[in-house]
Amino acid sequence: MRKWEILDDVSSDEEFIEEVIEDAIDNYITVLTPNKYDYQYLPEVPVSNKRMLTFCVRAQADAHIALSSVYAVTDIDTYEIVIGAAGNTKSFIRDGGEGPIAEEAITVKILDGLHFKPFWIRWSRRYIEVGEGQSGDKIFLRWFIPRKKDHSVNCLGVSTGPGSHGEWEFVEKIAPEPDVSSAKGKSAKKAKIKLALLWEAKRRIMRELLEKEYPKSLNTMDLLRMSKTKVHDMMRAVSVLRNLLKMGQVLEIRKGVWMASHVIKIGQTHNCSSCTLGRIAGRPVVHIKLPKLNKSAKKEILSDILAHFRSVQQLYIVGVGGGVPNYTDCDRHVRLGDVVIALSDQSSGLVYVHCNKIDKRASFYQFRTSRWTMKDDTLQGQLRRVRDLGENPSSIFRKTFDKSLEEALNRLKSEFPEFNRPSSRTDKLHGWINGEFIPIEHPKPRTSRQHLYFENRSNFRYGPLGSGKYVSKNDKLRMDLARQTGIMAFDDNCSDILETLAALDLKSFGIVRGICDYFDGSVSRLWLPYAALAAASYIKMFLEMLPKYR
């Protein structure tokens, strides 16, 4: 915690602070913002006891500053200042993040993408002023605040827009240690120690509150109220919570919403790895890797997970599988590296088939199967939306998937240089023709569909999935069952998981398989890492496309 932050609230020693502030040290705080509208909040720059803010920014356009009453809440009780909007031609003040414009000015080329430009913002209960240069110079925005729009300013956030990255610099004062040889210095030292002890107590209280609520979460305002912390100390409380976050004791499951962090051992008698709590696309998730165990052990582990996390609404089974090739129709052909998603046609509702037994008849084989349909069609409807719109190369679905996969590949390659998508030359297709199992060329897309096919990239295929030890390694039986049921890919049997979900009445689940071979995903190791990554990237994309989580 900064020395000056502690002193700033010691009201009994304000005169002493004024005396030492001239000797204070300049502390430079640098913040980088990506080229998207996503506020970064700065507890390092307290604003609750201020009426003016100075800073420098280097950006091509769209420098956003949010002066908010509540941490991570910008849609209400926020003054949003946008400098260099509309291609670096305008600036304005908004009532709330992305809210109505309250005041506007023409400011052509006010920002510079190569050099830092200085700005200042001054606010009170009556007005907000924004200027360029040193404090008080070159005012280009002034808004007289209506009484009903007035609110406290406790939090600072900065962002840039899609058109520019940003680099920000703030300068804060760090006061020197009090001179304890003087009476005032001793008094300030005692006050500082007292305040530090107070915040240590509040840290423990907030940690205990989150533990008590676990696995539920609390937002920042709830924590302030329950820990009896004043609203103007909000960003100091956020600093405390962020320290707990660094120590792994809490999670910020989305901006301004906190939960106790637990590593929970599930099914320890079965040698199971621990589950992980985190976020994907801003949504709280529980991740567990189910080991290859017997059926009853898997059921017990999954039952423990769902019993512990009672608020789980959807479950996604993600991994690898074996594709079912189509030798003539490229639109239904599954290649290595593709992603197959369990999706029923709306007539049958079938999403998964498990072959329990095969009866041999005089001239054919009869398959005895267990079949699963989806009781809750909400998730299936969302998958159909992604399917219908995601084929277009310019769709947001496709772009989001490609970006997610590329970012993950780059991260992995930085640690493991050999990690990459295998060459398409290793994707060799075989089939039975005239009683012989021979190499076959992959089908080509029709001319009218060429723009919808992604060469040397992951394509999405939708349809039922299947399993069964009697068919997965036998090419003829596997293809026969696929023709009868419409199966697009086989996996190494998740029927026991689906039985558990049915017993627990979890009606919404999804199955996503990255394709690494033409069996059941357990034969080839060359394509397995990339296929698993492609399946995970699809899930990340899908979660980002769902309606906003609240």
Protein backbone atom coordinates (compact mmCIF):
# COMPACT_ATOMS: atom_id res chain seq x y z
CA MET A 1 0.00 0.00 0.00
CA ARG A 2 1.37 3.43 -0.90
CA LYS A 3 2.61 5.61 1.94
CA TRP A 4 0.81 8.66 0.64
CA GLU A 5 -2.45 6.74 0.33
CA ILE A 6 -2.39 5.92 4.02
CA LEU A 7 -1.52 9.45 5.01
CA ASP A 8 -4.15 10.93 2.73
CA ASP A 9 -6.95 9.68 4.97
CA VAL A 10 -5.44 10.66 8.32
CA SER A 11 -7.62 13.72 8.78
CA SER A 12 -6.14 14.58 12.19
CA ASP A 13 -2.76 15.20 10.58
CA GLU A 14 -3.72 17.18 7.49
CA GLU A 15 -1.43 20.05 8.44
CA PHE A 16 1.53 17.71 8.76
CA ILE A 17 0.78 16.23 5.33
CA GLU A 18 0.71 19.68 3.79
CA GLU A 19 4.13 20.36 5.27
CA VAL A 20 5.77 17.22 3.89
CA ILE A 21 4.01 17.11 0.52
CA GLU A 22 6.56 19.50 -0.94
CA ASP A 23 9.22 16.87 -0.28
CA ALA A 24 7.12 14.07 -1.79
CA ILE A 25 8.54 11.87 -4.52
CA ASP A 26 6.97 11.66 -7.98
CA ASN A 27 5.79 8.11 -8.70
CA TYR A 28 5.06 7.33 -12.35
CA ILE A 29 2.30 4.83 -13.13
CA THR A 30 2.13 3.48 -16.69
CA VAL A 31 -0.93 1.70 -18.07
CA LEU A 32 -1.26 -0.03 -21.45
CA THR A 33 -4.72 -0.46 -22.98
CA PRO A 34 -5.52 -2.77 -25.93
CA ASN A 35 -7.40 -1.76 -29.07
CA LYS A 36 -10.82 -2.58 -27.66
CA TYR A 37 -13.35 -0.87 -25.43
CA ASP A 38 -12.56 -2.53 -22.10
CA TYR A 39 -11.90 -0.42 -19.02
CA GLN A 40 -8.87 -1.03 -16.83
CA TYR A 41 -9.42 0.27 -13.31
CA LEU A 42 -6.58 1.93 -11.43
CA PRO A 43 -6.60 1.61 -7.64
CA GLU A 44 -3.03 2.98 -7.84
CA VAL A 45 -4.54 6.36 -8.76
CA PRO A 46 -7.09 7.19 -6.02
CA VAL A 47 -9.63 9.85 -6.94
CA SER A 48 -12.17 9.78 -4.10
CA ASN A 49 -10.49 12.67 -2.24
CA LYS A 50 -9.55 14.63 -5.36
CA ARG A 51 -11.13 17.19 -7.62
CA MET A 52 -8.53 17.13 -10.41
CA LEU A 53 -6.62 14.54 -12.42
CA THR A 54 -3.63 15.06 -14.73
CA PHE A 55 -2.21 12.48 -17.11
CA CYS A 56 -0.47 11.92 -20.43
CA VAL A 57 -1.67 9.56 -23.14
CA ARG A 58 -0.26 8.28 -26.41
CA ALA A 59 -2.93 6.92 -28.77
CA GLN A 60 -4.16 7.38 -32.31
CA ALA A 61 -7.78 7.93 -31.25
CA ASP A 62 -10.52 7.07 -28.74
CA ALA A 63 -8.98 7.68 -25.32
CA HIS A 64 -11.71 6.92 -22.75
CA ILE A 65 -11.64 8.00 -19.09
CA ALA A 66 -14.35 6.81 -16.69
CA LEU A 67 -14.92 8.62 -13.39
CA SER A 68 -17.26 6.23 -11.60
CA SER A 69 -19.01 6.02 -8.30
CA VAL A 70 -18.80 2.21 -8.14
CA TYR A 71 -15.88 -0.01 -9.16
CA ALA A 72 -16.41 -1.83 -12.49
CA VAL A 73 -19.85 -0.23 -13.03
CA THR A 74 -19.85 2.33 -15.84
CA ASP A 75 -23.38 2.23 -17.22
CA ILE A 76 -24.70 4.37 -14.32
CA ASP A 77 -23.17 6.99 -12.00
CA THR A 78 -20.23 7.52 -14.34
CA TYR A 79 -18.81 10.55 -16.12
CA GLU A 80 -17.19 9.24 -19.29
CA ILE A 81 -14.75 11.53 -21.10
CA VAL A 82 -13.79 10.49 -24.64
CA ILE A 83 -10.85 12.32 -26.23
CA GLY A 84 -10.17 11.95 -29.96
CA ALA A 85 -13.37 10.14 -30.92
CA ALA A 86 -14.69 9.82 -34.48
CA GLY A 87 -11.25 9.24 -35.97
CA ASN A 88 -9.51 11.77 -33.70
CA THR A 89 -11.81 14.64 -34.73
CA LYS A 90 -14.16 15.06 -31.74
CA SER A 91 -14.19 14.87 -27.96
CA PHE A 92 -17.16 14.64 -25.62
CA ILE A 93 -18.47 13.96 -22.13
CA ARG A 94 -21.04 11.21 -21.70
CA ASP A 95 -23.55 10.57 -18.96
CA GLY A 96 -22.55 6.97 -18.26
CA GLY A 97 -20.35 4.61 -20.22
CA GLU A 98 -21.48 4.68 -23.87
CA GLY A 99 -24.40 6.81 -22.64
CA PRO A 100 -25.89 9.96 -24.16
CA ILE A 101 -23.47 12.75 -25.05
CA ALA A 102 -23.80 15.63 -22.58
CA GLU A 103 -21.19 17.97 -24.09
CA GLU A 104 -19.24 17.82 -27.36
CA ALA A 105 -16.39 19.69 -29.07
CA ILE A 106 -14.49 19.53 -32.36
CA THR A 107 -10.88 18.53 -31.55
CA VAL A 108 -9.11 17.56 -34.78
CA LYS A 109 -5.86 15.62 -34.23
CA ILE A 110 -5.91 16.22 -30.49
CA LEU A 111 -4.27 12.81 -29.90
CA ASP A 112 -0.94 11.60 -31.28
CA GLY A 113 -0.10 7.95 -31.86
CA LEU A 114 3.66 8.64 -31.65
CA HIS A 115 4.00 11.15 -28.82
CA PHE A 116 2.50 11.62 -25.36
CA LYS A 117 0.02 14.48 -25.01
CA PRO A 118 -0.79 15.99 -21.57
CA PHE A 119 -4.39 16.47 -20.39
CA TRP A 120 -6.23 17.35 -17.20
CA ILE A 121 -9.76 16.81 -15.87
CA ARG A 122 -11.37 18.84 -13.09
CA TRP A 123 -14.73 18.04 -11.50
CA SER A 124 -17.02 19.25 -8.74
CA ARG A 125 -20.69 18.93 -7.90
CA ARG A 126 -21.50 21.60 -10.50
CA TYR A 127 -19.32 20.94 -13.53
CA ILE A 128 -16.66 18.88 -15.30
CA GLU A 129 -13.86 20.55 -17.25
CA VAL A 130 -11.37 18.89 -19.60
CA GLY A 131 -8.28 20.62 -20.94
CA GLU A 132 -5.07 20.05 -22.86
CA GLY A 133 -1.64 20.90 -21.50
CA GLN A 134 -0.85 21.91 -17.94
CA SER A 135 -3.52 22.12 -15.24
CA GLY A 136 -6.06 24.80 -16.09
CA ASP A 137 -4.83 25.38 -19.67
CA LYS A 138 -6.75 25.11 -22.96
CA ILE A 139 -10.20 24.04 -21.78
CA PHE A 140 -12.01 22.30 -24.65
CA LEU A 141 -14.90 20.65 -22.77
CA ARG A 142 -17.09 21.95 -19.95
CA TRP A 143 -20.33 20.36 -18.75
CA PHE A 144 -22.51 21.92 -16.08
CA ILE A 145 -23.91 18.88 -14.29
CA PRO A 146 -27.68 18.78 -13.63
CA ARG A 147 -28.45 18.16 -9.97
CA LYS A 148 -30.02 14.76 -10.66
CA LYS A 149 -26.87 13.66 -12.52
CA ASP A 150 -24.49 14.53 -9.70
CA HIS A 151 -22.68 11.63 -8.01
CA SER A 152 -19.48 10.93 -6.11
CA VAL A 153 -16.28 9.96 -7.94
CA ASN A 154 -14.52 7.03 -6.29
CA CYS A 155 -12.98 5.04 -9.15
CA LEU A 156 -10.86 5.74 -12.22
CA GLY A 157 -10.82 3.59 -15.34
CA VAL A 158 -9.11 4.05 -18.72
CA SER A 159 -9.63 2.40 -22.08
CA THR A 160 -9.04 2.84 -25.78
CA GLY A 161 -11.28 1.79 -28.65
CA PRO A 162 -11.04 -0.65 -31.58
CA GLY A 163 -9.03 1.88 -33.60
CA SER A 164 -6.05 2.29 -31.30
CA HIS A 165 -3.88 0.91 -28.54
CA GLY A 166 -3.07 3.33 -25.74
CA GLU A 167 -0.25 4.11 -23.33
CA TRP A 168 -1.08 6.22 -20.29
CA GLU A 169 1.08 7.90 -17.66
CA PHE A 170 -0.09 9.17 -14.28
CA VAL A 171 2.09 10.86 -11.66
CA GLU A 172 1.26 10.41 -7.98
CA LYS A 173 3.05 11.71 -4.91
CA ILE A 174 4.65 9.38 -2.37
CA ALA A 175 5.13 11.19 0.92
CA PRO A 176 8.36 10.57 2.86
CA GLU A 177 8.36 8.76 6.17
CA PRO A 178 7.23 11.02 9.04
CA ASP A 179 9.98 12.55 11.14
CA VAL A 180 9.26 10.86 14.47
CA SER A 181 11.50 13.32 16.32
CA SER A 182 8.68 15.87 16.18
CA ALA A 183 5.31 15.63 17.93
CA LYS A 184 3.41 15.88 14.67
CA GLY A 185 5.62 13.23 13.11
CA LYS A 186 4.98 10.82 15.97
CA SER A 187 1.25 11.44 15.72
CA ALA A 188 1.25 10.80 11.96
CA LYS A 189 3.32 7.64 12.44
CA LYS A 190 0.82 6.29 14.98
CA ALA A 191 -2.10 7.18 12.70
CA LYS A 192 -0.43 5.40 9.79
CA ILE A 193 0.15 2.25 11.84
CA LYS A 194 -3.42 2.37 13.13
CA LEU A 195 -4.78 2.67 9.59
CA ALA A 196 -2.58 -0.18 8.34
CA LEU A 197 -3.90 -2.42 11.13
CA LEU A 198 -7.45 -1.38 10.27
CA TRP A 199 -7.01 -2.44 6.64
CA GLU A 200 -5.38 -5.70 7.66
CA ALA A 201 -8.51 -6.41 9.71
CA LYS A 202 -10.72 -5.48 6.76
CA ARG A 203 -8.70 -7.81 4.52
CA ARG A 204 -9.45 -10.71 6.85
CA ILE A 205 -13.11 -9.73 7.13
CA MET A 206 -13.56 -9.60 3.34
CA ARG A 207 -11.79 -12.95 2.97
CA GLU A 208 -14.07 -14.48 5.63
CA LEU A 209 -17.17 -12.99 3.99
CA LEU A 210 -16.27 -14.57 0.65
CA GLU A 211 -15.53 -17.89 2.37
CA LYS A 212 -18.91 -17.79 4.08
CA GLU A 213 -20.73 -17.12 0.79
CA TYR A 214 -18.74 -19.68 -1.23
CA PRO A 215 -19.51 -21.01 -3.84
CA LYS A 216 -21.65 -17.90 -4.35
CA SER A 217 -20.01 -14.58 -5.20
CA LEU A 218 -20.27 -11.00 -3.90
CA ASN A 219 -19.91 -7.75 -5.80
CA THR A 220 -17.72 -4.92 -4.55
CA MET A 221 -20.59 -2.89 -3.10
CA ASP A 222 -21.85 -5.89 -1.11
CA LEU A 223 -18.36 -6.42 0.31
CA LEU A 224 -18.09 -2.75 1.29
CA ARG A 225 -21.47 -2.83 3.01
CA MET A 226 -20.87 -6.11 4.82
CA SER A 227 -17.35 -5.13 5.95
CA LYS A 228 -18.57 -1.65 7.00
CA THR A 229 -16.18 0.11 4.62
CA LYS A 230 -16.93 3.61 3.39
CA VAL A 231 -17.73 4.05 -0.29
CA HIS A 232 -14.97 6.61 -0.79
CA ASP A 233 -12.50 3.88 0.28
CA MET A 234 -13.70 1.63 -2.53
CA MET A 235 -10.48 1.57 -4.58
CA ARG A 236 -8.39 0.87 -1.49
CA ALA A 237 -10.69 -2.10 -0.83
CA VAL A 238 -10.19 -3.18 -4.45
CA SER A 239 -6.41 -3.00 -3.90
CA VAL A 240 -6.81 -5.32 -0.92
CA LEU A 241 -8.93 -7.72 -2.97
CA ARG A 242 -6.40 -7.68 -5.80
CA ASN A 243 -3.66 -8.62 -3.36
CA LEU A 244 -5.80 -11.55 -2.26
CA LEU A 245 -6.23 -12.38 -5.95
CA LYS A 246 -2.45 -12.43 -6.46
CA MET A 247 -2.10 -14.77 -3.49
CA GLY A 248 -4.68 -17.10 -5.00
CA GLN A 249 -7.16 -16.66 -2.14
CA VAL A 250 -9.96 -15.07 -4.18
CA LEU A 251 -11.14 -14.95 -7.80
CA GLU A 252 -12.52 -11.97 -9.69
CA ILE A 253 -14.96 -14.00 -11.77
CA ARG A 254 -15.87 -10.87 -13.68
CA LYS A 255 -15.04 -7.23 -13.11
CA GLY A 256 -16.24 -6.20 -9.68
CA VAL A 257 -17.55 -9.65 -8.68
CA TRP A 258 -15.49 -11.73 -6.26
CA MET A 259 -15.51 -15.33 -5.04
CA ALA A 260 -13.34 -17.33 -2.66
CA SER A 261 -10.77 -19.45 -4.47
CA HIS A 262 -10.71 -23.14 -3.69
CA VAL A 263 -8.78 -26.07 -5.08
CA ILE A 264 -11.23 -28.84 -4.37
CA LYS A 265 -10.21 -32.47 -4.31
CA ILE A 266 -12.93 -34.60 -5.77
CA GLY A 267 -13.00 -38.38 -5.58
CA GLN A 268 -9.57 -38.70 -3.96
CA THR A 269 -9.97 -42.42 -3.56
CA HIS A 270 -9.92 -42.69 -7.36
CA ASN A 271 -6.69 -40.74 -7.87
CA CYS A 272 -8.57 -37.90 -9.55
CA SER A 273 -6.94 -34.59 -10.32
CA SER A 274 -8.36 -31.48 -8.66
CA CYS A 275 -10.88 -29.24 -10.33
CA THR A 276 -10.10 -25.68 -11.33
CA LEU A 277 -12.24 -22.58 -10.90
CA GLY A 278 -11.86 -19.69 -13.30
CA ARG A 279 -13.44 -17.66 -16.07
CA ILE A 280 -13.89 -18.12 -19.79
CA ALA A 281 -15.37 -15.22 -21.76
CA GLY A 282 -16.29 -13.53 -18.48
CA ARG A 283 -18.30 -16.52 -17.24
CA PRO A 284 -17.50 -18.46 -14.07
CA VAL A 285 -16.53 -22.02 -14.98
CA VAL A 286 -15.52 -25.20 -13.20
CA HIS A 287 -13.05 -27.35 -15.12
CA ILE A 288 -12.14 -30.94 -14.36
CA LYS A 289 -10.15 -33.50 -16.28
CA LEU A 290 -11.82 -36.87 -15.84
CA PRO A 291 -9.23 -39.64 -15.74
CA LYS A 292 -9.69 -42.93 -17.56
CA LEU A 293 -11.38 -44.92 -14.83
CA ASN A 294 -14.09 -47.49 -14.57
CA LYS A 295 -17.68 -46.44 -15.07
CA SER A 296 -18.67 -46.22 -11.41
CA ALA A 297 -15.63 -44.09 -10.52
CA LYS A 298 -16.41 -41.54 -13.25
CA LYS A 299 -20.00 -41.32 -12.09
CA GLU A 300 -18.94 -40.75 -8.49
CA ILE A 301 -16.49 -37.98 -9.43
CA LEU A 302 -19.02 -36.18 -11.63
CA SER A 303 -21.73 -36.53 -8.99
CA ASP A 304 -19.39 -34.97 -6.40
CA ILE A 305 -18.66 -32.04 -8.71
CA LEU A 306 -22.31 -31.29 -9.48
CA ALA A 307 -23.32 -31.74 -5.84
CA HIS A 308 -20.68 -29.23 -4.76
CA PHE A 309 -21.46 -26.68 -7.47
CA ARG A 310 -25.24 -26.67 -7.42
CA SER A 311 -25.54 -23.57 -9.60
CA VAL A 312 -23.98 -25.25 -12.66
CA GLN A 313 -26.43 -24.68 -15.52
CA GLN A 314 -24.66 -26.25 -18.49
CA LEU A 315 -21.99 -28.90 -18.91
CA TYR A 316 -19.65 -29.20 -21.88
CA ILE A 317 -17.73 -32.40 -22.60
CA VAL A 318 -14.64 -31.34 -24.54
CA GLY A 319 -11.92 -33.54 -25.99
CA VAL A 320 -10.83 -35.45 -29.07
CA GLY A 321 -12.53 -37.98 -31.30
CA GLY A 322 -12.38 -39.82 -34.59
CA GLY A 323 -14.05 -38.42 -37.68
CA VAL A 324 -16.51 -40.24 -39.94
CA PRO A 325 -15.39 -39.53 -43.52
CA ASN A 326 -17.75 -38.95 -46.40
CA TYR A 327 -16.01 -39.96 -49.61
CA THR A 328 -18.25 -37.99 -51.98
CA ASP A 329 -19.74 -34.98 -50.16
CA CYS A 330 -17.23 -32.42 -48.87
CA ASP A 331 -19.94 -30.65 -46.83
CA ARG A 332 -20.36 -33.77 -44.67
CA HIS A 333 -16.75 -34.91 -44.82
CA VAL A 334 -14.79 -34.74 -41.56
CA ARG A 335 -11.03 -34.24 -41.74
CA LEU A 336 -8.26 -34.26 -39.15
CA GLY A 337 -8.16 -30.98 -37.25
CA ASP A 338 -11.87 -30.31 -37.77
CA VAL A 339 -14.25 -29.79 -34.85
CA VAL A 340 -17.43 -31.88 -34.53
CA ILE A 341 -20.22 -30.57 -32.31
CA ALA A 342 -23.09 -32.76 -31.08
CA LEU A 343 -26.22 -31.30 -32.65
CA SER A 344 -29.48 -33.02 -33.48
CA ASP A 345 -31.81 -32.40 -36.35
CA GLN A 346 -35.02 -30.99 -34.94
CA SER A 347 -37.07 -34.05 -35.91
CA SER A 348 -35.15 -36.83 -34.13
CA GLY A 349 -33.48 -34.85 -31.34
CA LEU A 350 -30.65 -37.43 -31.32
CA VAL A 351 -27.28 -36.13 -30.05
CA TYR A 352 -25.38 -39.26 -28.93
CA VAL A 353 -25.46 -43.00 -29.68
CA HIS A 354 -23.60 -45.73 -27.81
CA CYS A 355 -23.40 -49.22 -29.27
CA ASN A 356 -23.80 -51.74 -26.44
CA LYS A 357 -23.84 -54.93 -28.51
CA ILE A 358 -23.84 -56.24 -32.08
CA ASP A 359 -26.00 -59.16 -33.21
CA LYS A 360 -24.90 -60.87 -36.41
CA ARG A 361 -27.76 -61.81 -38.74
CA ALA A 362 -27.68 -63.79 -41.95
CA SER A 363 -26.86 -60.88 -44.23
CA PHE A 364 -26.35 -57.91 -41.89
CA TYR A 365 -25.42 -56.74 -38.40
CA GLN A 366 -27.97 -55.45 -35.91
CA PHE A 367 -26.78 -52.76 -33.51
CA ARG A 368 -28.16 -52.59 -29.97
CA THR A 369 -27.73 -49.01 -28.87
CA SER A 370 -28.42 -46.50 -26.12
CA ARG A 371 -29.49 -43.10 -27.42
CA TRP A 372 -29.58 -39.64 -25.87
CA THR A 373 -31.67 -36.65 -26.79
CA MET A 374 -31.67 -33.16 -25.28
CA LYS A 375 -34.52 -32.41 -22.85
CA ASP A 376 -33.74 -28.69 -22.84
CA ASP A 377 -33.38 -27.42 -26.42
CA THR A 378 -32.05 -23.97 -25.45
CA LEU A 379 -28.40 -24.92 -25.91
CA GLN A 380 -29.14 -26.77 -29.14
CA GLY A 381 -30.89 -23.67 -30.46
CA GLN A 382 -27.81 -21.56 -29.70
CA LEU A 383 -25.60 -24.10 -31.47
CA ARG A 384 -27.85 -23.99 -34.54
CA ARG A 385 -27.46 -20.22 -34.61
CA VAL A 386 -23.67 -20.55 -34.59
CA ARG A 387 -23.88 -23.25 -37.27
CA ASP A 388 -26.12 -21.20 -39.56
CA LEU A 389 -24.07 -18.02 -39.28
CA GLY A 390 -20.61 -19.43 -38.64
CA GLU A 391 -20.03 -20.84 -42.13
CA ASN A 392 -19.48 -17.36 -43.53
CA PRO A 393 -15.73 -16.53 -43.42
CA SER A 394 -16.54 -12.94 -42.42
CA SER A 395 -18.90 -13.89 -39.57
CA ILE A 396 -18.05 -12.83 -36.04
CA PHE A 397 -18.21 -16.51 -34.98
CA ARG A 398 -15.51 -17.58 -37.42
CA LYS A 399 -13.30 -14.58 -36.68
CA THR A 400 -13.58 -15.13 -32.93
CA PHE A 401 -12.66 -18.81 -33.28
CA ASP A 402 -9.68 -18.10 -35.55
CA LYS A 403 -8.41 -15.41 -33.19
CA SER A 404 -8.79 -17.61 -30.11
CA LEU A 405 -7.03 -20.55 -31.79
CA GLU A 406 -4.20 -18.38 -33.13
CA GLU A 407 -3.59 -16.75 -29.73
CA ALA A 408 -3.50 -20.15 -28.02
CA LEU A 409 -1.14 -21.56 -30.67
CA ASN A 410 1.23 -18.62 -30.26
CA ARG A 411 1.29 -19.01 -26.47
CA LEU A 412 2.02 -22.72 -26.72
CA LYS A 413 4.65 -22.27 -29.43
CA SER A 414 6.49 -19.76 -27.24
CA GLU A 415 6.99 -22.55 -24.68
CA PHE A 416 7.01 -25.54 -27.01
CA PRO A 417 8.40 -24.50 -30.44
CA GLU A 418 7.40 -27.82 -31.96
CA PHE A 419 3.70 -27.29 -31.19
CA ASN A 420 1.86 -26.60 -34.45
CA ARG A 421 -0.87 -27.82 -36.75
CA PRO A 422 0.47 -30.96 -38.49
CA SER A 423 0.90 -30.90 -42.25
CA SER A 424 -2.20 -31.75 -44.29
CA ARG A 425 -0.06 -34.36 -46.06
CA THR A 426 -0.31 -36.49 -42.92
CA ASP A 427 -4.13 -36.54 -43.23
CA LYS A 428 -4.40 -39.74 -45.25
CA LEU A 429 -7.82 -41.20 -46.02
CA HIS A 430 -8.55 -44.89 -46.69
CA GLY A 431 -11.68 -46.82 -47.54
CA TRP A 432 -13.07 -50.17 -48.65
CA ILE A 433 -13.48 -50.54 -52.41
CA ASN A 434 -14.16 -53.94 -53.97
CA GLY A 435 -13.09 -55.67 -50.79
CA GLU A 436 -9.78 -53.81 -50.52
CA PHE A 437 -8.81 -51.13 -47.99
CA ILE A 438 -7.03 -48.59 -50.20
CA PRO A 439 -5.99 -44.88 -50.12
CA ILE A 440 -8.71 -42.47 -51.27
CA GLU A 441 -8.56 -38.77 -52.15
CA HIS A 442 -10.41 -36.36 -49.91
CA PRO A 443 -13.55 -34.97 -51.62
CA LYS A 444 -13.31 -31.42 -52.96
CA PRO A 445 -15.87 -28.70 -52.22
CA ARG A 446 -18.34 -27.84 -54.95
CA THR A 447 -17.50 -24.68 -56.88
CA SER A 448 -20.46 -22.86 -55.33
CA ARG A 449 -19.26 -23.83 -51.84
CA GLN A 450 -15.52 -23.26 -52.16
CA HIS A 451 -15.67 -19.92 -50.33
CA LEU A 452 -17.27 -21.68 -47.34
CA TYR A 453 -14.53 -24.30 -47.00
CA PHE A 454 -11.40 -23.51 -44.99
CA GLU A 455 -8.38 -25.24 -46.51
CA ASN A 456 -5.70 -26.23 -43.98
CA ARG A 457 -7.85 -24.86 -41.17
CA SER A 458 -10.43 -26.29 -38.81
CA ASN A 459 -13.92 -26.65 -40.29
CA PHE A 460 -17.00 -27.13 -38.09
CA ARG A 461 -19.25 -30.14 -38.54
CA TYR A 462 -22.53 -30.65 -36.68
CA GLY A 463 -24.41 -33.87 -35.98
CA PRO A 464 -24.76 -36.77 -33.53
CA LEU A 465 -21.70 -38.37 -31.94
CA GLY A 466 -21.25 -42.01 -31.04
CA SER A 467 -19.14 -44.65 -29.31
CA GLY A 468 -18.85 -48.39 -28.75
CA LYS A 469 -15.89 -50.71 -28.39
CA TYR A 470 -17.43 -53.13 -30.89
CA VAL A 471 -17.54 -50.60 -33.70
CA SER A 472 -14.96 -47.87 -33.10
CA LYS A 473 -11.96 -49.88 -34.37
CA ASN A 474 -13.83 -51.74 -37.14
CA ASP A 475 -14.11 -49.55 -40.20
CA LYS A 476 -17.03 -51.40 -41.84
CA LEU A 477 -19.13 -51.59 -38.66
CA ARG A 478 -18.35 -47.98 -37.77
CA MET A 479 -19.44 -46.73 -41.20
CA ASP A 480 -22.62 -48.88 -41.11
CA LEU A 481 -23.67 -47.46 -37.73
CA ALA A 482 -22.84 -43.92 -38.89
CA ARG A 483 -25.03 -44.33 -41.99
CA GLN A 484 -27.96 -45.58 -39.91
CA THR A 485 -27.79 -42.86 -37.24
CA GLY A 486 -26.09 -39.87 -38.90
CA ILE A 487 -23.09 -40.01 -36.55
CA MET A 488 -20.37 -37.52 -37.57
CA ALA A 489 -17.65 -38.65 -35.14
CA PHE A 490 -16.88 -41.35 -32.58
CA ASP A 491 -15.22 -40.84 -29.19
CA ASP A 492 -13.82 -43.10 -26.51
CA ASN A 493 -17.23 -43.49 -24.84
CA CYS A 494 -18.83 -40.77 -22.73
CA SER A 495 -22.07 -42.72 -22.26
CA ASP A 496 -21.34 -43.15 -18.54
CA ILE A 497 -21.10 -39.36 -18.19
CA LEU A 498 -24.41 -38.90 -19.99
CA GLU A 499 -26.06 -41.52 -17.77
CA THR A 500 -24.89 -39.58 -14.71
CA LEU A 501 -26.23 -36.31 -16.11
CA ALA A 502 -29.59 -37.96 -16.76
CA ALA A 503 -29.69 -39.34 -13.20
CA LEU A 504 -28.91 -35.88 -11.80
CA ASP A 505 -31.49 -34.28 -14.12
CA LEU A 506 -28.98 -31.93 -15.77
CA LYS A 507 -30.87 -31.26 -18.98
CA SER A 508 -28.42 -29.01 -20.82
CA PHE A 509 -25.08 -30.34 -22.05
CA GLY A 510 -22.84 -30.07 -25.08
CA ILE A 511 -20.23 -32.37 -26.60
CA VAL A 512 -17.36 -30.98 -28.68
CA ARG A 513 -14.66 -33.15 -30.25
CA GLY A 514 -11.51 -32.13 -32.10
CA ILE A 515 -10.73 -34.75 -34.74
CA CYS A 516 -7.34 -36.48 -34.46
CA ASP A 517 -7.95 -39.79 -36.31
CA TYR A 518 -10.61 -41.76 -38.18
CA PHE A 519 -11.38 -44.17 -35.30
CA ASP A 520 -12.39 -42.89 -31.85
CA GLY A 521 -9.65 -40.42 -30.96
CA SER A 522 -7.47 -42.97 -29.17
CA VAL A 523 -5.33 -44.23 -32.06
CA SER A 524 -3.29 -41.33 -33.47
CA ARG A 525 -1.07 -39.06 -31.36
CA LEU A 526 0.21 -36.77 -34.14
CA TRP A 527 -2.96 -34.69 -34.45
CA LEU A 528 -4.16 -35.05 -30.85
CA PRO A 529 -2.65 -31.83 -29.32
CA TYR A 530 -3.91 -29.60 -32.13
CA ALA A 531 -7.33 -31.29 -32.19
CA ALA A 532 -7.76 -30.79 -28.43
CA LEU A 533 -6.80 -27.12 -28.78
CA ALA A 534 -9.27 -26.62 -31.64
CA ALA A 535 -12.10 -28.11 -29.55
CA ALA A 536 -11.22 -25.85 -26.60
CA SER A 537 -11.10 -22.81 -28.91
CA TYR A 538 -14.57 -23.62 -30.19
CA ILE A 539 -15.95 -23.71 -26.64
CA LYS A 540 -14.29 -20.37 -25.85
CA MET A 541 -15.80 -18.85 -28.99
CA PHE A 542 -19.23 -20.32 -28.21
CA LEU A 543 -19.23 -18.96 -24.65
CA GLU A 544 -18.31 -15.51 -25.95
CA MET A 545 -21.23 -15.63 -28.38
CA LEU A 546 -23.82 -16.50 -25.71
CA PRO A 547 -26.02 -13.74 -24.25
CA LYS A 548 -24.15 -11.55 -21.78
CA TYR A 549 -23.65 -13.23 -18.40
CA ARG A 550 -25.11 -11.47 -15.37
